[in-house]
């Protein structure tokens, strides 16, 4: 039986909300990153890397999608390594 991911976050933009399920998280160079999927069924979802861009005085975390190609490639390698012991494969 597969385990469903129970760590869910909701992002809000332009009056719309979108749920994502956290697969992994890490902190690199003082910046928090999340690897998320848009599906609670891990094998069926698209993966995205989010970066926490919150200021210290903000009560809630503010995330943005990582769009820089070099940063995305680097984070893909990091998350692949972090998930290497899991029964999960990330395909770029």
PDB file of N, CA and C in Angstrom:
ATOM      1  N   UNK A   1       0.847  -1.191   0.000  1.00  0.00           N
ATOM      2  CA  UNK A   1       0.000   0.000   0.000  1.00  0.00           C
ATOM      3  C   UNK A   1       0.882   1.241   0.000  1.00  0.00           C
ATOM      4  N   UNK A   2       0.595   2.174  -0.866  1.00  0.00           N
ATOM      5  CA  UNK A   2       1.375   3.399  -0.950  1.00  0.00           C
ATOM      6  C   UNK A   2       0.965   4.378   0.136  1.00  0.00           C
ATOM      7  N   UNK A   3       1.968   5.097   0.656  1.00  0.00           N
ATOM      8  CA  UNK A   3       1.687   6.157   1.619  1.00  0.00           C
ATOM      9  C   UNK A   3       1.370   7.437   0.864  1.00  0.00           C
ATOM     10  N   UNK A   4       0.329   8.103   1.276  1.00  0.00           N
ATOM     11  CA  UNK A   4       0.031   9.413   0.686  1.00  0.00           C
ATOM     12  C   UNK A   4       0.789  10.470   1.469  1.00  0.00           C
ATOM     13  N   UNK A   5       1.204  11.492   0.768  1.00  0.00           N
ATOM     14  CA  UNK A   5       1.910  12.587   1.404  1.00  0.00           C
ATOM     15  C   UNK A   5       0.906  13.448   2.150  1.00  0.00           C
ATOM     16  N   UNK A   6       1.145  13.635   3.447  1.00  0.00           N
ATOM     17  CA  UNK A   6       0.185  14.384   4.250  1.00  0.00           C
ATOM     18  C   UNK A   6       0.657  15.796   4.577  1.00  0.00           C
ATOM     19  N   UNK A   7       1.806  16.208   4.054  1.00  0.00           N
ATOM     20  CA  UNK A   7       2.303  17.555   4.304  1.00  0.00           C
ATOM     21  C   UNK A   7       1.901  18.434   3.123  1.00  0.00           C
ATOM     22  N   UNK A   8       0.831  19.174   3.318  1.00  0.00           N
ATOM     23  CA  UNK A   8       0.247  19.964   2.235  1.00  0.00           C
ATOM     24  C   UNK A   8       0.411  21.448   2.544  1.00  0.00           C
ATOM     25  N   UNK A   9       0.708  22.229   1.508  1.00  0.00           N
ATOM     26  CA  UNK A   9       0.732  23.681   1.628  1.00  0.00           C
ATOM     27  C   UNK A   9      -0.206  24.250   0.575  1.00  0.00           C
ATOM     28  N   UNK A  10      -0.720  25.421   0.855  1.00  0.00           N
ATOM     29  CA  UNK A  10      -1.609  26.104  -0.082  1.00  0.00           C
ATOM     30  C   UNK A  10      -0.992  27.438  -0.451  1.00  0.00           C
ATOM     31  N   UNK A  11      -0.845  27.667  -1.746  1.00  0.00           N
ATOM     32  CA  UNK A  11      -0.332  28.941  -2.237  1.00  0.00           C
ATOM     33  C   UNK A  11      -1.493  29.757  -2.781  1.00  0.00           C
ATOM     34  N   UNK A  12      -1.423  31.060  -2.549  1.00  0.00           N
ATOM     35  CA  UNK A  12      -2.466  31.979  -3.012  1.00  0.00           C
ATOM     36  C   UNK A  12      -1.849  32.990  -3.966  1.00  0.00           C
ATOM     37  N   UNK A  13      -2.492  33.177  -5.112  1.00  0.00           N
ATOM     38  CA  UNK A  13      -2.046  34.181  -6.079  1.00  0.00           C
ATOM     39  C   UNK A  13      -3.254  34.625  -6.889  1.00  0.00           C
ATOM     40  N   UNK A  14      -3.396  35.907  -7.044  1.00  0.00           N
ATOM     41  CA  UNK A  14      -4.473  36.484  -7.855  1.00  0.00           C
ATOM     42  C   UNK A  14      -5.850  35.965  -7.429  1.00  0.00           C
ATOM     43  N   UNK A  15      -6.066  35.818  -6.126  1.00  0.00           N
ATOM     44  CA  UNK A  15      -7.360  35.375  -5.618  1.00  0.00           C
ATOM     45  C   UNK A  15      -7.625  33.887  -5.755  1.00  0.00           C
ATOM     46  N   UNK A  16      -6.680  33.148  -6.294  1.00  0.00           N
ATOM     47  CA  UNK A  16      -6.821  31.701  -6.474  1.00  0.00           C
ATOM     48  C   UNK A  16      -5.929  30.977  -5.473  1.00  0.00           C
ATOM     49  N   UNK A  17      -6.349  29.790  -5.071  1.00  0.00           N
ATOM     50  CA  UNK A  17      -5.514  28.968  -4.202  1.00  0.00           C
ATOM     51  C   UNK A  17      -5.193  27.658  -4.906  1.00  0.00           C
ATOM     52  N   UNK A  18      -3.963  27.180  -4.668  1.00  0.00           N
ATOM     53  CA  UNK A  18      -3.503  25.928  -5.257  1.00  0.00           C
ATOM     54  C   UNK A  18      -2.817  25.131  -4.159  1.00  0.00           C
ATOM     55  N   UNK A  19      -3.193  23.853  -4.038  1.00  0.00           N
ATOM     56  CA  UNK A  19      -2.582  22.980  -3.046  1.00  0.00           C
ATOM     57  C   UNK A  19      -1.387  22.256  -3.647  1.00  0.00           C
ATOM     58  N   UNK A  20      -0.333  22.136  -2.853  1.00  0.00           N
ATOM     59  CA  UNK A  20       0.847  21.368  -3.211  1.00  0.00           C
ATOM     60  C   UNK A  20       1.196  20.458  -2.047  1.00  0.00           C
ATOM     61  N   UNK A  21       1.819  19.342  -2.363  1.00  0.00           N
ATOM     62  CA  UNK A  21       2.221  18.357  -1.373  1.00  0.00           C
ATOM     63  C   UNK A  21       3.743  18.337  -1.311  1.00  0.00           C
ATOM     64  N   UNK A  22       4.289  18.513  -0.123  1.00  0.00           N
ATOM     65  CA  UNK A  22       5.731  18.632   0.069  1.00  0.00           C
ATOM     66  C   UNK A  22       6.370  17.244   0.047  1.00  0.00           C
ATOM     67  N   UNK A  23       7.314  17.060  -0.867  1.00  0.00           N
ATOM     68  CA  UNK A  23       8.060  15.810  -0.958  1.00  0.00           C
ATOM     69  C   UNK A  23       9.342  15.862  -0.153  1.00  0.00           C
ATOM     70  N   UNK A  24       9.997  17.031  -0.148  1.00  0.00           N
ATOM     71  CA  UNK A  24      11.270  17.197   0.552  1.00  0.00           C
ATOM     72  C   UNK A  24      11.502  18.674   0.781  1.00  0.00           C
ATOM     73  N   UNK A  25      12.307  18.985   1.777  1.00  0.00           N
ATOM     74  CA  UNK A  25      12.691  20.375   2.023  1.00  0.00           C
ATOM     75  C   UNK A  25      14.143  20.409   2.448  1.00  0.00           C
ATOM     76  N   UNK A  26      14.806  21.519   2.155  1.00  0.00           N
ATOM     77  CA  UNK A  26      16.204  21.679   2.522  1.00  0.00           C
ATOM     78  C   UNK A  26      16.528  23.164   2.656  1.00  0.00           C
ATOM     79  N   UNK A  27      17.657  23.439   3.276  1.00  0.00           N
ATOM     80  CA  UNK A  27      18.132  24.817   3.432  1.00  0.00           C
ATOM     81  C   UNK A  27      19.539  24.877   2.838  1.00  0.00           C
ATOM     82  N   UNK A  28      19.714  25.777   1.869  1.00  0.00           N
ATOM     83  CA  UNK A  28      20.997  25.932   1.178  1.00  0.00           C
ATOM     84  C   UNK A  28      21.349  27.416   1.183  1.00  0.00           C
ATOM     85  N   UNK A  29      22.557  27.721   1.633  1.00  0.00           N
ATOM     86  CA  UNK A  29      23.040  29.106   1.653  1.00  0.00           C
ATOM     87  C   UNK A  29      22.039  30.059   2.311  1.00  0.00           C
ATOM     88  N   UNK A  30      21.433  29.625   3.411  1.00  0.00           N
ATOM     89  CA  UNK A  30      20.509  30.470   4.153  1.00  0.00           C
ATOM     90  C   UNK A  30      19.127  30.602   3.539  1.00  0.00           C
ATOM     91  N   UNK A  31      18.848  29.845   2.486  1.00  0.00           N
ATOM     92  CA  UNK A  31      17.558  29.921   1.788  1.00  0.00           C
ATOM     93  C   UNK A  31      16.843  28.577   1.920  1.00  0.00           C
ATOM     94  N   UNK A  32      15.548  28.623   2.248  1.00  0.00           N
ATOM     95  CA  UNK A  32      14.748  27.405   2.361  1.00  0.00           C
ATOM     96  C   UNK A  32      14.118  27.080   1.008  1.00  0.00           C
ATOM     97  N   UNK A  33      14.195  25.789   0.646  1.00  0.00           N
ATOM     98  CA  UNK A  33      13.620  25.300  -0.603  1.00  0.00           C
ATOM     99  C   UNK A  33      12.692  24.129  -0.304  1.00  0.00           C
ATOM    100  N   UNK A  34      11.634  24.020  -1.098  1.00  0.00           N
ATOM    101  CA  UNK A  34      10.714  22.897  -1.018  1.00  0.00           C
ATOM    102  C   UNK A  34      10.622  22.230  -2.379  1.00  0.00           C
ATOM    103  N   UNK A  35      10.585  20.916  -2.380  1.00  0.00           N
ATOM    104  CA  UNK A  35      10.235  20.156  -3.572  1.00  0.00           C
ATOM    105  C   UNK A  35       8.802  19.723  -3.368  1.00  0.00           C
ATOM    106  N   UNK A  36       7.917  20.176  -4.241  1.00  0.00           N
ATOM    107  CA  UNK A  36       6.491  19.906  -4.079  1.00  0.00           C
ATOM    108  C   UNK A  36       5.941  19.249  -5.331  1.00  0.00           C
ATOM    109  N   UNK A  37       4.783  18.634  -5.167  1.00  0.00           N
ATOM    110  CA  UNK A  37       4.058  18.058  -6.289  1.00  0.00           C
ATOM    111  C   UNK A  37       2.619  18.537  -6.220  1.00  0.00           C
ATOM    112  N   UNK A  38       1.953  18.526  -7.350  1.00  0.00           N
ATOM    113  CA  UNK A  38       0.572  18.988  -7.402  1.00  0.00           C
ATOM    114  C   UNK A  38      -0.426  17.856  -7.202  1.00  0.00           C
ATOM    115  N   UNK A  39       0.066  16.665  -6.867  1.00  0.00           N
ATOM    116  CA  UNK A  39      -0.807  15.509  -6.686  1.00  0.00           C
ATOM    117  C   UNK A  39      -0.464  14.797  -5.379  1.00  0.00           C
ATOM    118  N   UNK A  40      -1.490  14.289  -4.685  1.00  0.00           N
ATOM    119  CA  UNK A  40      -1.209  13.526  -3.473  1.00  0.00           C
ATOM    120  C   UNK A  40      -0.805  12.092  -3.802  1.00  0.00           C
ATOM    121  N   UNK A  41      -0.874  11.722  -5.068  1.00  0.00           N
ATOM    122  CA  UNK A  41      -0.362  10.436  -5.543  1.00  0.00           C
ATOM    123  C   UNK A  41       1.010  10.724  -6.144  1.00  0.00           C
ATOM    124  N   UNK A  42       2.077  10.384  -5.426  1.00  0.00           N
ATOM    125  CA  UNK A  42       3.424  10.812  -5.803  1.00  0.00           C
ATOM    126  C   UNK A  42       3.831  10.442  -7.216  1.00  0.00           C
ATOM    127  N   UNK A  43       3.387   9.303  -7.728  1.00  0.00           N
ATOM    128  CA  UNK A  43       3.834   8.906  -9.056  1.00  0.00           C
ATOM    129  C   UNK A  43       3.125   9.661 -10.178  1.00  0.00           C
ATOM    130  N   UNK A  44       2.056  10.355  -9.881  1.00  0.00           N
ATOM    131  CA  UNK A  44       1.264  10.998 -10.916  1.00  0.00           C
ATOM    132  C   UNK A  44       1.474  12.505 -11.035  1.00  0.00           C
ATOM    133  N   UNK A  45       2.204  13.118 -10.134  1.00  0.00           N
ATOM    134  CA  UNK A  45       2.245  14.569 -10.097  1.00  0.00           C
ATOM    135  C   UNK A  45       3.433  15.187 -10.796  1.00  0.00           C
ATOM    136  N   UNK A  46       3.275  16.462 -11.096  1.00  0.00           N
ATOM    137  CA  UNK A  46       4.367  17.283 -11.597  1.00  0.00           C
ATOM    138  C   UNK A  46       5.102  17.838 -10.390  1.00  0.00           C
ATOM    139  N   UNK A  47       6.436  17.911 -10.460  1.00  0.00           N
ATOM    140  CA  UNK A  47       7.235  18.456  -9.357  1.00  0.00           C
ATOM    141  C   UNK A  47       7.641  19.892  -9.658  1.00  0.00           C
ATOM    142  N   UNK A  48       7.741  20.664  -8.589  1.00  0.00           N
ATOM    143  CA  UNK A  48       8.165  22.057  -8.667  1.00  0.00           C
ATOM    144  C   UNK A  48       9.097  22.340  -7.502  1.00  0.00           C
ATOM    145  N   UNK A  49      10.014  23.276  -7.703  1.00  0.00           N
ATOM    146  CA  UNK A  49      10.880  23.731  -6.620  1.00  0.00           C
ATOM    147  C   UNK A  49      10.426  25.129  -6.232  1.00  0.00           C
ATOM    148  N   UNK A  50      10.151  25.294  -4.944  1.00  0.00           N
ATOM    149  CA  UNK A  50       9.741  26.588  -4.405  1.00  0.00           C
ATOM    150  C   UNK A  50      10.838  27.122  -3.502  1.00  0.00           C
ATOM    151  N   UNK A  51      11.007  28.441  -3.518  1.00  0.00           N
ATOM    152  CA  UNK A  51      11.993  29.114  -2.670  1.00  0.00           C
ATOM    153  C   UNK A  51      11.256  30.041  -1.716  1.00  0.00           C
ATOM    154  N   UNK A  52      11.632  29.986  -0.443  1.00  0.00           N
ATOM    155  CA  UNK A  52      11.035  30.857   0.570  1.00  0.00           C
ATOM    156  C   UNK A  52      11.686  32.232   0.460  1.00  0.00           C
ATOM    157  N   UNK A  53      10.903  33.224   0.073  1.00  0.00           N
ATOM    158  CA  UNK A  53      11.411  34.586  -0.087  1.00  0.00           C
ATOM    159  C   UNK A  53      10.840  35.519   0.980  1.00  0.00           C
ATOM    160  N   UNK A  54      10.399  34.936   2.090  1.00  0.00           N
ATOM    161  CA  UNK A  54       9.803  35.718   3.179  1.00  0.00           C
ATOM    162  C   UNK A  54      10.832  36.640   3.811  1.00  0.00           C
ATOM    163  N   UNK A  55      10.340  37.774   4.276  1.00  0.00           N
ATOM    164  CA  UNK A  55      11.167  38.662   5.089  1.00  0.00           C
ATOM    165  C   UNK A  55      11.002  38.242   6.543  1.00  0.00           C
ATOM    166  N   UNK A  56      11.944  38.596   7.368  1.00  0.00           N
ATOM    167  CA  UNK A  56      11.912  38.214   8.782  1.00  0.00           C
ATOM    168  C   UNK A  56      10.671  38.714   9.502  1.00  0.00           C
ATOM    169  N   UNK A  57      10.109  39.843   9.067  1.00  0.00           N
ATOM    170  CA  UNK A  57       8.963  40.428   9.761  1.00  0.00           C
ATOM    171  C   UNK A  57       7.614  39.874   9.280  1.00  0.00           C
ATOM    172  N   UNK A  58       7.614  38.953   8.325  1.00  0.00           N
ATOM    173  CA  UNK A  58       6.366  38.379   7.821  1.00  0.00           C
ATOM    174  C   UNK A  58       5.961  37.172   8.654  1.00  0.00           C
ATOM    175  N   UNK A  59       4.677  37.107   8.998  1.00  0.00           N
ATOM    176  CA  UNK A  59       4.184  36.018   9.823  1.00  0.00           C
ATOM    177  C   UNK A  59       4.060  34.714   9.044  1.00  0.00           C
ATOM    178  N   UNK A  60       3.683  34.796   7.785  1.00  0.00           N
ATOM    179  CA  UNK A  60       3.514  33.606   6.959  1.00  0.00           C
ATOM    180  C   UNK A  60       4.617  33.535   5.913  1.00  0.00           C
ATOM    181  N   UNK A  61       4.974  32.313   5.550  1.00  0.00           N
ATOM    182  CA  UNK A  61       6.000  32.109   4.533  1.00  0.00           C
ATOM    183  C   UNK A  61       5.485  32.585   3.172  1.00  0.00           C
ATOM    184  N   UNK A  62       6.392  33.132   2.391  1.00  0.00           N
ATOM    185  CA  UNK A  62       6.095  33.564   1.030  1.00  0.00           C
ATOM    186  C   UNK A  62       7.016  32.770   0.109  1.00  0.00           C
ATOM    187  N   UNK A  63       6.415  31.997  -0.787  1.00  0.00           N
ATOM    188  CA  UNK A  63       7.183  31.151  -1.699  1.00  0.00           C
ATOM    189  C   UNK A  63       7.021  31.632  -3.133  1.00  0.00           C
ATOM    190  N   UNK A  64       8.085  31.419  -3.909  1.00  0.00           N
ATOM    191  CA  UNK A  64       8.004  31.652  -5.347  1.00  0.00           C
ATOM    192  C   UNK A  64       8.616  30.448  -6.051  1.00  0.00           C
ATOM    193  N   UNK A  65       8.162  30.209  -7.277  1.00  0.00           N
ATOM    194  CA  UNK A  65       8.703  29.113  -8.067  1.00  0.00           C
ATOM    195  C   UNK A  65      10.115  29.462  -8.506  1.00  0.00           C
ATOM    196  N   UNK A  66      11.022  28.502  -8.411  1.00  0.00           N
ATOM    197  CA  UNK A  66      12.376  28.699  -8.924  1.00  0.00           C
ATOM    198  C   UNK A  66      12.304  28.596 -10.443  1.00  0.00           C
ATOM    199  N   UNK A  67      12.699  29.669 -11.120  1.00  0.00           N
ATOM    200  CA  UNK A  67      12.632  29.705 -12.579  1.00  0.00           C
ATOM    201  C   UNK A  67      14.001  29.822 -13.236  1.00  0.00           C
ATOM    202  N   UNK A  68      15.007  30.241 -12.468  1.00  0.00           N
ATOM    203  CA  UNK A  68      16.362  30.343 -12.990  1.00  0.00           C
ATOM    204  C   UNK A  68      16.874  28.939 -13.307  1.00  0.00           C
ATOM    205  N   UNK A  69      17.301  28.728 -14.551  1.00  0.00           N
ATOM    206  CA  UNK A  69      17.697  27.388 -15.011  1.00  0.00           C
ATOM    207  C   UNK A  69      18.863  26.806 -14.208  1.00  0.00           C
ATOM    208  N   UNK A  70      19.880  27.604 -13.922  1.00  0.00           N
ATOM    209  CA  UNK A  70      21.037  27.116 -13.168  1.00  0.00           C
ATOM    210  C   UNK A  70      20.637  26.744 -11.740  1.00  0.00           C
ATOM    211  N   UNK A  71      19.835  27.585 -11.117  1.00  0.00           N
ATOM    212  CA  UNK A  71      19.364  27.304  -9.759  1.00  0.00           C
ATOM    213  C   UNK A  71      18.471  26.054  -9.756  1.00  0.00           C
ATOM    214  N   UNK A  72      17.628  25.911 -10.769  1.00  0.00           N
ATOM    215  CA  UNK A  72      16.751  24.748 -10.877  1.00  0.00           C
ATOM    216  C   UNK A  72      17.569  23.461 -11.027  1.00  0.00           C
ATOM    217  N   UNK A  73      18.580  23.484 -11.891  1.00  0.00           N
ATOM    218  CA  UNK A  73      19.431  22.306 -12.089  1.00  0.00           C
ATOM    219  C   UNK A  73      20.142  21.922 -10.801  1.00  0.00           C
ATOM    220  N   UNK A  74      20.661  22.914 -10.100  1.00  0.00           N
ATOM    221  CA  UNK A  74      21.361  22.667  -8.842  1.00  0.00           C
ATOM    222  C   UNK A  74      20.413  22.052  -7.810  1.00  0.00           C
ATOM    223  N   UNK A  75      19.237  22.624  -7.671  1.00  0.00           N
ATOM    224  CA  UNK A  75      18.283  22.113  -6.687  1.00  0.00           C
ATOM    225  C   UNK A  75      17.769  20.732  -7.089  1.00  0.00           C
ATOM    226  N   UNK A  76      17.637  20.472  -8.383  1.00  0.00           N
ATOM    227  CA  UNK A  76      17.235  19.146  -8.848  1.00  0.00           C
ATOM    228  C   UNK A  76      18.256  18.104  -8.389  1.00  0.00           C
ATOM    229  N   UNK A  77      19.547  18.415  -8.536  1.00  0.00           N
ATOM    230  CA  UNK A  77      20.593  17.483  -8.087  1.00  0.00           C
ATOM    231  C   UNK A  77      20.534  17.280  -6.577  1.00  0.00           C
ATOM    232  N   UNK A  78      20.324  18.355  -5.832  1.00  0.00           N
ATOM    233  CA  UNK A  78      20.248  18.258  -4.362  1.00  0.00           C
ATOM    234  C   UNK A  78      19.067  17.388  -3.955  1.00  0.00           C
ATOM    235  N   UNK A  79      17.891  17.654  -4.490  1.00  0.00           N
ATOM    236  CA  UNK A  79      16.703  16.885  -4.114  1.00  0.00           C
ATOM    237  C   UNK A  79      16.807  15.429  -4.570  1.00  0.00           C
ATOM    238  N   UNK A  80      17.421  15.190  -5.712  1.00  0.00           N
ATOM    239  CA  UNK A  80      17.619  13.812  -6.165  1.00  0.00           C
ATOM    240  C   UNK A  80      18.482  13.054  -5.161  1.00  0.00           C
ATOM    241  N   UNK A  81      19.535  13.695  -4.686  1.00  0.00           N
ATOM    242  CA  UNK A  81      20.403  13.069  -3.677  1.00  0.00           C
ATOM    243  C   UNK A  81      19.656  12.848  -2.367  1.00  0.00           C
ATOM    244  N   UNK A  82      18.896  13.833  -1.928  1.00  0.00           N
ATOM    245  CA  UNK A  82      18.148  13.704  -0.669  1.00  0.00           C
ATOM    246  C   UNK A  82      17.108  12.586  -0.731  1.00  0.00           C
ATOM    247  N   UNK A  83      16.552  12.352  -1.903  1.00  0.00           N
ATOM    248  CA  UNK A  83      15.518  11.333  -2.055  1.00  0.00           C
ATOM    249  C   UNK A  83      16.068   9.988  -2.525  1.00  0.00           C
ATOM    250  N   UNK A  84      17.378   9.858  -2.623  1.00  0.00           N
ATOM    251  CA  UNK A  84      17.953   8.619  -3.148  1.00  0.00           C
ATOM    252  C   UNK A  84      17.641   7.403  -2.280  1.00  0.00           C
ATOM    253  N   UNK A  85      17.429   7.589  -0.988  1.00  0.00           N
ATOM    254  CA  UNK A  85      17.097   6.477  -0.093  1.00  0.00           C
ATOM    255  C   UNK A  85      15.605   6.160  -0.076  1.00  0.00           C
ATOM    256  N   UNK A  86      14.802   7.038  -0.639  1.00  0.00           N
ATOM    257  CA  UNK A  86      13.360   6.846  -0.689  1.00  0.00           C
ATOM    258  C   UNK A  86      13.006   5.991  -1.904  1.00  0.00           C
ATOM    259  N   UNK A  87      11.830   5.437  -1.892  1.00  0.00           N
ATOM    260  CA  UNK A  87      11.359   4.672  -3.047  1.00  0.00           C
ATOM    261  C   UNK A  87      10.645   5.633  -4.003  1.00  0.00           C
ATOM    262  N   UNK A  88      11.424   6.632  -4.487  1.00  0.00           N
ATOM    263  CA  UNK A  88      10.849   7.684  -5.312  1.00  0.00           C
ATOM    264  C   UNK A  88      11.886   8.115  -6.345  1.00  0.00           C
ATOM    265  N   UNK A  89      11.435   8.370  -7.538  1.00  0.00           N
ATOM    266  CA  UNK A  89      12.317   8.837  -8.591  1.00  0.00           C
ATOM    267  C   UNK A  89      11.795  10.167  -9.113  1.00  0.00           C
ATOM    268  N   UNK A  90      12.709  11.114  -9.252  1.00  0.00           N
ATOM    269  CA  UNK A  90      12.339  12.415  -9.799  1.00  0.00           C
ATOM    270  C   UNK A  90      12.855  12.455 -11.232  1.00  0.00           C
ATOM    271  N   UNK A  91      11.984  12.756 -12.160  1.00  0.00           N
ATOM    272  CA  UNK A  91      12.370  12.847 -13.557  1.00  0.00           C
ATOM    273  C   UNK A  91      12.270  14.298 -13.982  1.00  0.00           C
ATOM    274  N   UNK A  92      13.353  14.813 -14.517  1.00  0.00           N
ATOM    275  CA  UNK A  92      13.390  16.220 -14.933  1.00  0.00           C
ATOM    276  C   UNK A  92      12.779  16.390 -16.285  1.00  0.00           C
TER     277      UNK A  92
END
